[in-house]
Each structure stands twice: as structure tokens, then as C-alpha cells.
Amino acid sequence: MSNEEDWKEPYEENGITLGPEEILRREIEKSKNLKVERLKLKDEIDKLQAENARLAQKNQALDEEIKKSRSTSNKDAAPIQPQSFSAHSPRWSLFLLIFNSCALAILLYFLIQK
């Protein structure tokens, strides 16, 4: 069977048998295209690696800046105490109750007018 495969001639898409020169030319074109694509990909990889290194350096600088600002803010300022919301809760709930009642009254008024 391997001898039969050796004797098979490659065919073009429209059924014409290709000559050895044409086959060699196509293989050379494929090889050139693959080399060009490989060079483009290598160039793209180099660009991405450079970008990655630049971003890593920028990230490290920002991390250091954050650490410095945290250390200076902790030394200079007293710890922030969270304020309780319950102290303002009765006034806030009263305001919301009055506001919603007024909005409901206005909507009912316009509904009745129609």
C-alpha cells in the first residue's frame, strides 16, 4: 500500500495534476508565509513581554506608593471611628415618611383629575 501512495499524484482543486515545479513553488510559498507569520508572532510576543514588564514595574511602584501613604497616614492621623447611623435614624425615617406621603398624594391627585 505504501508503494501505491508514493505513486499518487497531487491534484489541484479543479482536478488538474500538478507538476513537480508547481508543487515545489507552492511549498516554498507556504514556507515563506509560515516564516513571515512566525516572525510577526515573535515580534508580537516581544512587544507583549515589554508591555508586561512595564506594567509590572508600574504596579510595583504604585504598591510602594500605597504602602508609603498608608504608613504616613497611620502615623499622622488618629484612627477613624465609624459613626453610628442609629442617631440620625428617627429624623431620616420621618423625612422619608413625609416625602413618600406627599408623593403619593400628588400622584392620587393627578390620577383623580384624569
Protein backbone atom coordinates (compact mmCIF):
# COMPACT_ATOMS: atom_id res chain seq x y z
CA MET A 1 0.00 0.00 0.00
CA SER A 2 2.83 2.40 0.72
CA ASN A 3 4.05 1.98 -2.85
CA GLU A 4 0.62 2.97 -4.16
CA GLU A 5 0.63 6.12 -2.03
CA ASP A 6 4.04 7.09 -3.40
CA TRP A 7 2.72 6.98 -6.97
CA LYS A 8 -0.37 9.12 -6.31
CA GLU A 9 -0.05 12.50 -7.94
CA PRO A 10 -1.28 15.58 -6.07
CA TYR A 11 -4.28 17.22 -7.68
CA GLU A 12 -5.23 20.85 -7.79
CA GLU A 13 -8.73 21.87 -6.68
CA ASN A 14 -10.11 21.78 -10.23
CA GLY A 15 -8.74 18.28 -10.89
CA ILE A 16 -5.59 19.13 -12.85
CA THR A 17 -2.44 17.21 -11.95
CA LEU A 18 0.29 19.45 -10.60
CA GLY A 19 3.81 19.25 -11.91
CA PRO A 20 6.82 18.95 -9.63
CA GLU A 21 7.80 22.58 -10.22
CA GLU A 22 4.33 23.80 -9.28
CA ILE A 23 4.28 21.63 -6.15
CA LEU A 24 7.73 22.93 -5.16
CA ARG A 25 6.65 26.55 -5.78
CA ARG A 26 3.56 26.12 -3.59
CA GLU A 27 5.57 24.52 -0.82
CA ILE A 28 8.07 27.39 -0.97
CA GLU A 29 5.22 29.91 -0.77
CA LYS A 30 3.75 28.08 2.21
CA SER A 31 7.16 28.01 3.87
CA LYS A 32 7.67 31.74 3.27
CA ASN A 33 4.21 32.54 4.61
CA LEU A 34 4.86 30.46 7.71
CA LYS A 35 8.21 32.17 8.29
CA VAL A 36 6.63 35.61 7.93
CA GLU A 37 3.84 34.63 10.31
CA ARG A 38 6.35 33.23 12.80
CA LEU A 39 8.36 36.48 12.67
CA LYS A 40 5.20 38.54 13.19
CA LEU A 41 4.22 36.38 16.16
CA LYS A 42 7.73 36.64 17.61
CA ASP A 43 7.60 40.41 17.26
CA GLU A 44 4.17 40.48 18.89
CA ILE A 45 5.45 38.31 21.76
CA ASP A 46 8.40 40.68 22.27
CA LYS A 47 6.06 43.68 22.35
CA LEU A 48 3.73 41.98 24.82
CA GLN A 49 6.62 40.94 27.07
CA ALA A 50 7.92 44.51 27.09
CA GLU A 51 4.44 45.80 27.90
CA ASN A 52 4.08 43.19 30.63
CA ALA A 53 7.40 44.22 32.18
CA ARG A 54 6.43 47.90 32.03
CA LEU A 55 3.07 47.22 33.67
CA ALA A 56 4.68 45.06 36.37
CA GLN A 57 7.12 47.87 37.15
CA LYS A 58 4.28 50.41 37.25
CA ASN A 59 2.26 48.10 39.51
CA GLN A 60 5.21 47.71 41.87
CA ALA A 61 5.71 51.49 42.01
CA LEU A 62 2.02 52.01 42.79
CA ASP A 63 2.14 49.34 45.51
CA GLU A 64 5.11 51.08 47.11
CA GLU A 65 3.31 54.42 46.92
CA ILE A 66 0.25 52.92 48.61
CA LYS A 67 2.38 51.43 51.36
CA LYS A 68 4.11 54.79 51.94
CA SER A 69 0.82 56.68 52.07
CA ARG A 70 -0.69 54.14 54.46
CA SER A 71 2.29 54.27 56.77
CA THR A 72 2.32 58.08 56.85
CA SER A 73 -1.46 58.33 57.31
CA ASN A 74 -1.40 55.83 60.18
CA LYS A 75 1.29 57.82 61.98
CA ASP A 76 -0.24 61.26 61.44
CA ALA A 77 -3.97 60.69 61.85
CA ALA A 78 -5.93 59.07 64.61
CA PRO A 79 -7.95 56.00 63.67
CA ILE A 80 -11.28 56.89 62.15
CA GLN A 81 -14.23 55.90 64.28
CA PRO A 82 -17.29 54.72 62.39
CA GLN A 83 -20.34 56.86 63.10
CA SER A 84 -23.47 55.11 64.10
CA PHE A 85 -26.41 55.56 61.78
CA SER A 86 -28.95 54.99 64.54
CA ALA A 87 -28.50 58.56 65.89
CA HIS A 88 -29.92 60.05 62.68
CA SER A 89 -32.38 57.26 62.06
CA PRO A 90 -35.55 58.80 63.63
CA ARG A 91 -35.13 62.09 61.72
CA TRP A 92 -34.29 60.33 58.49
CA SER A 93 -37.23 57.93 58.69
CA LEU A 94 -39.60 60.84 59.47
CA PHE A 95 -38.33 62.75 56.44
CA LEU A 96 -38.80 59.71 54.19
CA LEU A 97 -42.33 59.13 55.54
CA ILE A 98 -43.35 62.75 54.84
CA PHE A 99 -41.73 62.76 51.40
CA ASN A 100 -43.40 59.50 50.32
CA SER A 101 -46.78 60.66 51.66
CA CYS A 102 -46.54 63.89 49.65
CA ALA A 103 -45.53 61.99 46.51
CA LEU A 104 -48.47 59.60 46.97
CA ALA A 105 -50.88 62.50 47.48
CA ILE A 106 -49.66 64.23 44.30
CA LEU A 107 -49.96 61.01 42.27
CA LEU A 108 -53.51 60.39 43.58
CA TYR A 109 -54.48 63.99 42.78
CA PHE A 110 -53.31 63.65 39.15
CA LEU A 111 -54.97 60.26 38.87
CA ILE A 112 -58.31 61.65 40.03
CA GLN A 113 -58.02 64.63 37.62
CA LYS A 114 -57.98 62.28 34.62
